[in-house]
Amino acid sequence: MPLLFLLTLLPWIPGFLCWVNTTEQFALLEGRSLTVPCHYDSQYASYVKYWCRGKMREFCSSLGRTDDTHSANPAKDKVSILDDPVHLVFTVTMNDLKEEESGWYMCGVEIGGVWTADVVAFTNIKVIHGLSVVKSELIGEEGSGITVECLYSKRYRESEKKWCRSGDWSSCRLTDSEGSYDDASVAISDDRTGAFTVTLKKLQMRDTGWYLCSAGQKQEAVHVLVTPRASTSRLRNSPLKKHIYTFHDNVFLFSRNLKSLLKPHGARF
């Protein structure tokens, strides 16, 4: 009985003694590319690695293997897999991801043999249809400029892009047929591949507030904070500086009056 129990456990022993790991979850916009790193133990440097879709090895749909004779091209292939045994990592690149490709995926090291199981790690990929911003809060100094980067999914490539002050639709700036807009205070540039940038020029204190970047019917909020410009001219004209000058002038006048009072008594200055 103990021997039978041990034989039953043998296929699972590699999972305890050795390892493969990767990031547990990814989220990205539809139409974009994703590269997943799968790290492995040094003893697996020469083993075949693979990438498949599913959460059970027996029912996992193979998408790529390192022993595939096809030459991998991460820039063009839908799925490519490259092994780097020096750094003990293999990377999987998936291009032009679609919303329906969301789900569980597996990085695996093929062990082979009757009594040994493959060493695997799972990750969940969520492909989102919509819009996002790289940074939702930006700070800029008065007189300077800042740039907001808005990312959108593939189906919004031909949609009109907008930049509006939240709550004031009359403030909206819209891209033209070339995907651009430009005036003295705002410039918008759409690369037509998945991102558009909004540059706010010559910031003023009144520009502080909430804004919306839009693609089609999708919107994302961005907060802009404008800080005062630090300069010697501002300090010179500040109330504190004026008080200092006034105090200095008063002391000078007092000194002159004191001299005139003492001079008749023979005091020399």
Protein backbone atom coordinates (compact mmCIF):
# COMPACT_ATOMS: atom_id res chain seq x y z
CA MET A 1 0.00 0.00 0.00
CA PRO A 2 2.72 2.60 0.84
CA LEU A 3 4.48 1.77 -2.44
CA LEU A 4 1.27 2.25 -4.40
CA PHE A 5 0.67 5.60 -2.68
CA LEU A 6 4.22 6.74 -3.54
CA LEU A 7 3.77 5.74 -7.18
CA THR A 8 0.56 7.76 -7.26
CA LEU A 9 2.42 10.87 -6.05
CA LEU A 10 5.36 10.56 -8.44
CA PRO A 11 3.81 12.58 -11.31
CA TRP A 12 3.37 15.55 -8.95
CA ILE A 13 6.81 15.53 -7.34
CA PRO A 14 8.47 17.86 -9.92
CA GLY A 15 5.90 20.52 -9.12
CA PHE A 16 7.13 20.63 -5.53
CA LEU A 17 10.86 20.33 -6.14
CA CYS A 18 11.24 22.50 -9.26
CA TRP A 19 9.46 25.45 -10.74
CA VAL A 20 8.29 27.62 -13.58
CA ASN A 21 6.70 30.98 -12.80
CA THR A 22 5.19 33.98 -14.53
CA THR A 23 3.02 37.02 -13.81
CA GLU A 24 -0.38 35.93 -12.53
CA GLN A 25 -2.50 38.37 -14.54
CA PHE A 26 -2.31 40.77 -17.47
CA ALA A 27 -4.81 43.37 -18.71
CA LEU A 28 -4.46 45.26 -21.97
CA LEU A 29 -6.47 47.00 -24.65
CA GLU A 30 -7.78 45.12 -27.65
CA GLY A 31 -5.51 45.29 -30.71
CA ARG A 32 -2.31 45.57 -28.68
CA SER A 33 0.58 43.15 -28.20
CA LEU A 34 1.65 41.35 -25.04
CA THR A 35 4.93 39.69 -24.08
CA VAL A 36 4.82 37.18 -21.23
CA PRO A 37 8.08 36.12 -19.49
CA CYS A 38 8.17 32.55 -18.14
CA HIS A 39 11.06 31.89 -15.75
CA TYR A 40 12.30 28.36 -15.05
CA ASP A 41 14.74 26.41 -12.90
CA SER A 42 18.31 25.98 -14.22
CA GLN A 43 17.93 22.22 -14.69
CA TYR A 44 15.37 22.91 -17.46
CA ALA A 45 17.67 25.00 -19.67
CA SER A 46 17.80 22.35 -22.41
CA TYR A 47 14.16 21.22 -22.20
CA VAL A 48 11.40 22.03 -24.69
CA LYS A 49 9.12 24.87 -23.59
CA TYR A 50 5.58 25.53 -24.76
CA TRP A 51 2.66 27.97 -24.53
CA CYS A 52 -0.95 26.91 -24.65
CA ARG A 53 -4.45 28.16 -23.86
CA GLY A 54 -6.37 26.50 -21.04
CA LYS A 55 -6.07 25.64 -17.38
CA MET A 56 -5.60 21.86 -17.65
CA ARG A 57 -2.59 20.37 -19.44
CA GLU A 58 -4.69 17.58 -20.94
CA PHE A 59 -7.08 20.06 -22.59
CA CYS A 60 -4.66 22.93 -23.25
CA SER A 61 -4.63 24.12 -26.89
CA SER A 62 -1.02 24.43 -28.04
CA LEU A 63 -0.06 27.84 -29.46
CA GLY A 64 3.71 27.58 -29.65
CA ARG A 65 6.73 25.37 -28.86
CA THR A 66 10.46 26.04 -28.77
CA ASP A 67 11.16 22.92 -30.87
CA ASP A 68 9.05 24.29 -33.73
CA THR A 69 11.20 24.50 -36.86
CA HIS A 70 9.44 27.72 -37.93
CA SER A 71 11.66 30.77 -37.34
CA ALA A 72 9.92 32.95 -34.73
CA ASN A 73 9.23 36.59 -35.61
CA PRO A 74 7.74 38.39 -32.56
CA ALA A 75 6.96 41.50 -34.64
CA LYS A 76 4.81 39.69 -37.23
CA ASP A 77 3.67 36.30 -35.92
CA LYS A 78 0.35 36.04 -34.12
CA VAL A 79 2.15 34.00 -31.42
CA SER A 80 5.90 33.52 -31.06
CA ILE A 81 8.00 31.83 -28.40
CA LEU A 82 11.71 32.42 -27.75
CA ASP A 83 13.91 30.65 -25.20
CA ASP A 84 16.87 32.28 -23.45
CA PRO A 85 18.65 29.49 -21.53
CA VAL A 86 21.41 31.85 -20.40
CA HIS A 87 18.94 33.93 -18.36
CA LEU A 88 16.60 30.98 -17.69
CA VAL A 89 13.52 32.55 -19.23
CA PHE A 90 11.39 31.99 -22.30
CA THR A 91 9.15 34.74 -23.62
CA VAL A 92 5.86 34.49 -25.44
CA THR A 93 4.64 37.37 -27.63
CA MET A 94 1.02 37.61 -28.77
CA ASN A 95 0.06 40.27 -31.32
CA ASP A 96 -3.21 42.01 -32.20
CA LEU A 97 -5.10 40.52 -29.26
CA LYS A 98 -8.88 40.44 -29.41
CA GLU A 99 -11.44 40.58 -26.62
CA GLU A 100 -12.47 36.96 -27.21
CA GLU A 101 -8.88 35.83 -26.58
CA SER A 102 -9.21 36.67 -22.89
CA GLY A 103 -8.74 33.65 -20.62
CA TRP A 104 -6.26 31.31 -18.94
CA TYR A 105 -2.92 30.46 -20.54
CA MET A 106 -0.09 28.16 -19.53
CA CYS A 107 3.71 28.34 -19.78
CA GLY A 108 5.14 24.84 -19.58
CA VAL A 109 8.36 22.85 -19.59
CA GLU A 110 7.92 19.49 -21.26
CA ILE A 111 9.40 16.82 -19.00
CA GLY A 112 8.14 13.68 -20.74
CA GLY A 113 8.23 10.16 -19.39
CA VAL A 114 5.57 7.93 -17.83
CA TRP A 115 6.04 8.94 -14.19
CA THR A 116 6.79 12.64 -14.51
CA ALA A 117 4.45 15.57 -15.10
CA ASP A 118 5.31 18.74 -17.01
CA VAL A 119 6.25 21.76 -14.91
CA VAL A 120 3.81 24.57 -15.62
CA ALA A 121 2.64 28.02 -14.54
CA PHE A 122 -0.66 29.75 -15.30
CA THR A 123 -1.58 33.33 -16.14
CA ASN A 124 -4.88 35.03 -16.84
CA ILE A 125 -5.03 37.48 -19.74
CA LYS A 126 -7.84 40.04 -19.95
CA VAL A 127 -8.23 41.87 -23.25
CA ILE A 128 -10.31 45.02 -22.80
CA HIS A 129 -12.34 46.88 -25.41
CA GLY A 130 -12.26 50.60 -24.62
CA LEU A 131 -10.05 53.52 -23.63
CA SER A 132 -7.42 54.21 -20.98
CA VAL A 133 -4.89 56.88 -20.05
CA VAL A 134 -1.22 56.30 -19.26
CA LYS A 135 -1.34 58.80 -16.39
CA SER A 136 -4.58 60.16 -14.94
CA GLU A 137 -3.00 62.92 -12.82
CA LEU A 138 -0.51 65.41 -14.23
CA ILE A 139 1.29 68.38 -12.67
CA GLY A 140 2.81 71.23 -14.64
CA GLU A 141 4.36 74.58 -13.78
CA GLU A 142 2.69 77.78 -14.91
CA GLY A 143 3.98 78.75 -18.36
CA SER A 144 5.19 75.24 -19.20
CA GLY A 145 3.47 72.45 -21.15
CA ILE A 146 2.32 68.89 -20.36
CA THR A 147 1.30 65.94 -22.55
CA VAL A 148 -1.49 63.45 -21.85
CA GLU A 149 -1.36 60.04 -23.55
CA CYS A 150 -4.72 58.36 -24.23
CA LEU A 151 -4.78 54.72 -25.41
CA TYR A 152 -7.70 53.14 -27.28
CA SER A 153 -8.61 49.69 -28.58
CA LYS A 154 -8.51 48.69 -32.24
CA ARG A 155 -12.15 49.36 -33.06
CA TYR A 156 -11.71 53.08 -32.20
CA ARG A 157 -8.91 53.71 -34.69
CA GLU A 158 -11.17 55.59 -37.10
CA SER A 159 -13.26 57.28 -34.39
CA GLU A 160 -13.11 61.00 -33.67
CA LYS A 161 -10.88 61.89 -30.72
CA LYS A 162 -11.78 64.71 -28.31
CA TRP A 163 -10.32 66.64 -25.39
CA CYS A 164 -12.82 68.48 -23.18
CA ARG A 165 -12.91 70.26 -19.86
CA SER A 166 -15.21 68.19 -17.66
CA GLY A 167 -18.66 69.74 -17.41
CA ASP A 168 -18.06 72.23 -20.24
CA TRP A 169 -18.84 70.67 -23.64
CA SER A 170 -18.24 73.99 -25.41
CA SER A 171 -14.56 73.59 -24.51
CA CYS A 172 -14.13 70.37 -26.54
CA ARG A 173 -11.35 70.19 -29.14
CA LEU A 174 -11.89 67.60 -31.90
CA THR A 175 -9.47 65.93 -34.30
CA ASP A 176 -9.89 66.55 -38.02
CA SER A 177 -9.87 64.00 -40.87
CA GLU A 178 -6.06 63.73 -40.50
CA GLY A 179 -6.34 62.91 -36.80
CA SER A 180 -4.96 66.20 -35.52
CA TYR A 181 -5.91 69.52 -33.92
CA ASP A 182 -3.75 72.52 -33.06
CA ASP A 183 -4.30 75.98 -31.58
CA ALA A 184 -2.48 78.35 -29.23
CA SER A 185 -3.27 76.32 -26.09
CA VAL A 186 -3.96 72.70 -27.15
CA ALA A 187 -2.55 70.25 -29.69
CA ILE A 188 -3.97 66.76 -30.38
CA SER A 189 -2.20 64.10 -32.45
CA ASP A 190 -3.65 60.65 -33.22
CA ASP A 191 -1.26 57.96 -34.48
CA ARG A 192 -4.23 55.92 -35.80
CA THR A 193 -2.76 52.74 -34.33
CA GLY A 194 -3.93 52.90 -30.71
CA ALA A 195 -2.89 56.15 -29.05
CA PHE A 196 -3.46 59.87 -29.24
CA THR A 197 -1.66 62.60 -27.32
CA VAL A 198 -2.97 65.89 -26.00
CA THR A 199 -0.44 68.65 -25.32
CA LEU A 200 -1.49 71.60 -23.15
CA LYS A 201 0.69 74.60 -23.99
CA LYS A 202 1.69 77.59 -21.87
CA LEU A 203 -0.22 76.48 -18.79
CA GLN A 204 -2.06 79.06 -16.73
CA MET A 205 -3.30 78.75 -13.16
CA ARG A 206 -6.90 78.66 -14.37
CA ASP A 207 -6.13 75.49 -16.35
CA THR A 208 -6.18 73.43 -13.13
CA GLY A 209 -9.14 71.03 -13.15
CA TRP A 210 -10.68 67.84 -14.55
CA TYR A 211 -10.62 66.95 -18.24
CA LEU A 212 -11.87 64.11 -20.45
CA CYS A 213 -10.07 62.39 -23.29
CA SER A 214 -12.58 60.65 -25.58
CA ALA A 215 -12.58 58.14 -28.42
CA GLY A 216 -16.02 57.49 -29.89
CA GLN A 217 -18.37 57.14 -26.93
CA LYS A 218 -15.62 56.14 -24.47
CA GLN A 219 -14.20 58.67 -21.99
CA GLU A 220 -11.43 58.72 -19.40
CA ALA A 221 -10.94 61.43 -16.76
CA VAL A 222 -7.63 63.26 -16.31
CA HIS A 223 -6.79 65.76 -13.55
CA VAL A 224 -4.39 68.61 -14.28
CA LEU A 225 -2.75 70.64 -11.51
CA VAL A 226 -0.91 73.84 -12.42
CA THR A 227 1.63 75.09 -9.86
CA PRO A 228 2.88 78.70 -9.59
CA ARG A 229 6.05 79.53 -11.46
CA ALA A 230 8.97 80.19 -9.13
CA SER A 231 10.85 83.33 -10.26
CA THR A 232 12.77 86.27 -8.85
CA SER A 233 10.33 88.73 -10.42
CA ARG A 234 7.41 87.10 -8.60
CA LEU A 235 9.33 87.33 -5.31
CA ARG A 236 10.29 90.95 -5.98
CA ASN A 237 6.67 91.92 -6.48
CA SER A 238 5.32 89.84 -3.62
CA PRO A 239 3.78 91.56 -0.52
CA LEU A 240 6.60 90.20 1.66
CA LYS A 241 9.26 91.78 -0.55
CA LYS A 242 7.42 95.11 -0.54
CA HIS A 243 7.35 95.10 3.28
CA ILE A 244 11.09 94.45 3.34
CA TYR A 245 11.74 97.39 1.00
CA THR A 246 9.45 99.67 3.06
CA PHE A 247 11.20 98.71 6.28
CA HIS A 248 14.60 99.39 4.70
CA ASP A 249 13.46 102.82 3.43
CA ASN A 250 12.10 103.77 6.86
CA VAL A 251 15.38 102.84 8.55
CA PHE A 252 17.29 104.94 6.01
CA LEU A 253 15.03 107.97 6.61
CA PHE A 254 15.35 107.57 10.40
CA SER A 255 19.16 107.48 10.04
CA ARG A 256 19.17 110.68 8.00
CA ASN A 257 16.92 112.48 10.51
CA LEU A 258 19.12 111.38 13.37
CA LYS A 259 22.19 112.77 11.61
CA SER A 260 20.54 116.14 11.06
CA LEU A 261 19.54 116.37 14.74
CA LEU A 262 22.99 115.58 16.04
CA LYS A 263 24.99 117.68 13.57
CA PRO A 264 24.51 121.07 15.37
CA HIS A 265 26.09 119.60 18.47
CA GLY A 266 29.32 118.98 16.65
CA ALA A 267 28.83 115.36 15.79
CA ARG A 268 30.76 114.29 12.69
CA PHE A 269 29.57 111.58 10.29
